[in-house]
Protein backbone atom coordinates (compact mmCIF):
# COMPACT_ATOMS: atom_id res chain seq x y z
CA MET A 1 -0.01 0.02 0.00
CA ILE A 2 2.92 2.39 0.83
CA THR A 3 4.32 1.71 -2.66
CA LEU A 4 1.01 2.56 -4.27
CA ILE A 5 0.92 5.85 -2.33
CA ARG A 6 4.46 6.65 -3.36
CA ILE A 7 3.61 6.05 -7.00
CA ALA A 8 0.52 8.20 -6.83
CA PHE A 9 2.56 10.95 -5.11
CA ILE A 10 5.25 10.86 -7.80
CA PHE A 11 2.49 10.85 -10.52
CA PHE A 12 0.88 14.01 -9.11
CA ILE A 13 4.24 15.83 -8.73
CA VAL A 14 5.08 15.13 -12.37
CA ALA A 15 1.52 15.96 -13.58
CA ILE A 16 1.17 19.21 -11.71
CA GLY A 17 3.93 20.71 -13.84
CA LYS A 18 1.90 20.02 -17.00
CA CYS A 19 -1.59 20.84 -15.74
CA GLN A 20 -1.59 24.42 -17.08
CA THR A 21 -1.11 23.47 -20.72
CA PRO A 22 -4.37 23.92 -22.58
CA GLU A 23 -5.17 20.93 -24.81
CA LYS A 24 -8.25 19.39 -26.37
CA THR A 25 -10.05 17.13 -23.77
CA LEU A 26 -11.18 13.56 -24.41
CA GLN A 27 -14.85 12.97 -24.98
CA GLY A 28 -16.82 12.00 -21.90
CA VAL A 29 -14.39 13.42 -19.34
CA GLU A 30 -14.87 16.67 -17.48
CA PRO A 31 -11.71 18.70 -16.86
CA LEU A 32 -11.28 20.56 -13.56
CA THR A 33 -10.75 23.85 -15.37
CA GLU A 34 -10.39 24.93 -19.00
CA ASN A 35 -6.63 24.97 -18.69
CA SER A 36 -6.23 21.69 -16.69
CA ASN A 37 -5.43 18.21 -17.94
CA PHE A 38 -6.77 16.80 -14.60
CA ASN A 39 -10.34 15.40 -14.52
CA THR A 40 -12.40 13.90 -11.79
CA SER A 41 -15.60 11.95 -11.45
CA ALA A 42 -17.32 10.34 -8.45
CA TYR A 43 -20.51 8.69 -7.37
CA SER A 44 -22.10 7.12 -4.32
CA TYR A 45 -25.20 5.03 -4.05
CA PRO A 46 -27.56 5.89 -1.27
CA VAL A 47 -27.33 3.93 1.96
CA PHE A 48 -29.34 0.73 1.65
CA MET A 49 -30.59 -1.53 4.39
CA ASP A 50 -27.90 -2.62 6.95
CA ASN A 51 -26.00 0.65 6.20
CA GLU A 52 -24.54 -0.66 2.95
CA MET A 53 -22.91 2.06 0.82
CA HIS A 54 -21.13 1.80 -2.50
CA SER A 55 -18.93 4.61 -3.83
CA GLU A 56 -16.20 5.27 -6.43
CA PHE A 57 -13.98 8.16 -7.37
CA LEU A 58 -11.69 8.67 -10.30
CA ILE A 59 -8.84 11.11 -10.78
CA GLY A 60 -7.40 11.30 -14.31
CA TYR A 61 -4.55 13.12 -16.01
CA GLU A 62 -4.53 13.65 -19.82
CA PHE A 63 -0.94 13.55 -21.20
CA ASP A 64 -2.13 14.24 -24.75
CA GLU A 65 -5.29 13.85 -26.88
CA LYS A 66 -4.88 10.05 -27.11
CA PHE A 67 -3.30 9.01 -23.73
CA MET A 68 -4.37 9.36 -20.10
CA VAL A 69 -3.74 7.83 -16.67
CA GLU A 70 -6.50 7.21 -14.17
CA LEU A 71 -6.41 6.52 -10.41
CA GLN A 72 -9.64 4.82 -9.26
CA ASN A 73 -10.85 3.88 -5.77
CA TYR A 74 -13.99 1.76 -5.13
CA TYR A 75 -15.18 1.41 -1.58
CA ASP A 76 -18.18 -0.83 -0.74
CA THR A 77 -19.53 -1.36 2.78
CA TYR A 78 -21.54 -4.44 3.66
CA ARG A 79 -22.94 -5.92 6.89
CA THR A 80 -19.82 -7.81 8.00
CA PHE A 81 -16.99 -6.32 5.98
CA ASP A 82 -15.90 -3.53 3.69
CA VAL A 83 -14.16 -3.96 0.27
CA GLN A 84 -11.72 -1.44 -1.13
CA LYS A 85 -10.24 -1.60 -4.63
CA VAL A 86 -7.50 0.82 -5.76
CA SER A 87 -6.41 0.75 -9.37
CA VAL A 88 -4.12 2.64 -11.73
CA ARG A 89 -5.18 2.43 -15.39
CA LEU A 90 -3.67 3.65 -18.64
CA LYS A 91 -6.14 4.58 -21.35
CA ASN A 92 -4.93 4.84 -24.99
CA TYR A 93 -7.50 6.17 -27.51
CA VAL A 94 -7.08 4.59 -30.92
CA SER A 95 -9.84 6.79 -32.40
CA ASP A 96 -12.03 9.63 -31.14
CA ARG A 97 -14.22 7.16 -29.08
CA LEU A 98 -12.56 3.73 -29.02
CA TYR A 99 -9.80 3.10 -26.42
CA PHE A 100 -7.69 0.29 -24.87
CA VAL A 101 -7.25 0.00 -21.07
CA ASN A 102 -4.37 -1.62 -19.17
CA GLY A 103 -3.71 -1.37 -15.46
CA ALA A 104 -2.99 -2.86 -12.10
CA ALA A 105 -5.20 -3.02 -9.04
CA MET A 106 -5.23 -4.11 -5.41
CA GLU A 107 -8.50 -5.24 -3.73
CA ARG A 108 -8.77 -5.88 -0.01
CA GLU A 109 -11.39 -6.83 2.42
CA LEU A 110 -11.62 -4.84 5.72
CA ASP A 111 -13.39 -6.88 8.47
CA LYS A 112 -15.64 -4.97 10.82
CA HIS A 113 -15.65 -7.49 13.67
CA GLY A 114 -12.04 -8.25 14.33
CA ALA A 115 -11.69 -11.46 12.22
CA ASN A 116 -8.55 -11.99 10.13
CA ALA A 117 -9.20 -10.63 6.63
CA PRO A 118 -7.90 -12.54 3.68
CA ARG A 119 -4.79 -11.40 1.81
CA PRO A 120 -5.35 -8.64 -0.66
CA ARG A 121 -5.76 -9.53 -4.30
CA TYR A 122 -3.38 -8.10 -6.93
CA ILE A 123 -5.05 -7.80 -10.29
CA MET A 124 -3.93 -7.05 -13.86
CA THR A 125 -6.64 -5.42 -15.98
CA ASN A 126 -6.89 -5.37 -19.83
CA GLY A 127 -9.83 -4.21 -21.77
CA VAL A 128 -11.49 -2.12 -24.44
CA GLY A 129 -13.96 0.71 -24.15
CA TYR A 130 -16.18 3.00 -26.31
CA ASP A 131 -17.41 6.43 -25.50
CA ILE A 132 -20.90 6.48 -27.03
CA ASN A 133 -21.29 10.19 -26.37
CA LYS A 134 -20.17 12.67 -23.77
CA ASN A 135 -22.33 11.10 -20.99
CA VAL A 136 -22.41 7.42 -21.87
CA MET A 137 -19.57 4.90 -22.10
CA MET A 138 -19.24 1.11 -22.27
CA GLU A 139 -16.24 -1.02 -21.32
CA VAL A 140 -15.26 -4.70 -21.41
CA ASN A 141 -12.49 -5.71 -19.09
CA HIS A 142 -10.55 -8.93 -18.20
CA ASP A 143 -9.13 -9.03 -14.67
CA LEU A 144 -6.41 -11.60 -13.94
CA ASN A 145 -5.49 -12.24 -10.34
CA PHE A 146 -1.86 -12.77 -9.44
CA ASN A 147 -2.33 -14.45 -6.13
CA LYS A 148 -4.70 -17.06 -4.80
CA SER A 149 -6.63 -14.89 -2.43
CA ASN A 150 -10.34 -15.61 -2.56
CA ILE A 151 -12.32 -12.50 -1.49
CA GLY A 152 -16.04 -12.75 -1.62
CA THR A 153 -18.11 -13.81 -4.63
CA TYR A 154 -15.63 -12.48 -7.14
CA GLY A 155 -12.56 -14.31 -5.72
CA MET A 156 -11.96 -16.28 -8.91
CA PRO A 157 -8.63 -16.29 -10.76
CA SER A 158 -10.01 -14.58 -13.81
CA LEU A 159 -12.96 -12.26 -14.32
CA LEU A 160 -14.57 -10.82 -17.41
CA SER A 161 -16.70 -7.78 -16.78
CA ILE A 162 -18.85 -5.55 -18.94
CA LYS A 163 -19.83 -2.11 -17.59
CA SER A 164 -21.53 1.00 -18.74
CA LYS A 165 -21.61 4.42 -17.10
CA ILE A 166 -24.25 7.09 -17.69
CA LYS A 167 -23.71 10.62 -16.41
CA PHE A 168 -26.61 12.94 -15.79
């Protein structure tokens, strides 16, 4: 975890020097200011029964019109445990809307009642995505786990996921 924090710190130090350069932004991503290459997005579902909450944030930096880096954090609370997934992803646009995704992630379970939590999972992600318009995107990812930690329902060695995000 300390290594991930160091990498994120170095990334932000390098990126801050370039954030004032005005460039064309990628479709579907909102920049912080007109002159910034940084972008953010976040969501949180309402609290369900048993005080469950599901949230995600994303911080991205656009190096040029076709290449960007994203830092994502998912945090889900459940009745007996919490799950946190931190990932660093590289996005390479091959056209105005089609992009490839590569990255690494760490997912861990945080127990609320003092039991020993399983080891974190280390994941390599590869995928392809398509920005349908400014507010809708679709993505297909393949997650490959590097260790044999079985966390929850998705504790399998390989996972194919299809997701879509609608902004409004």
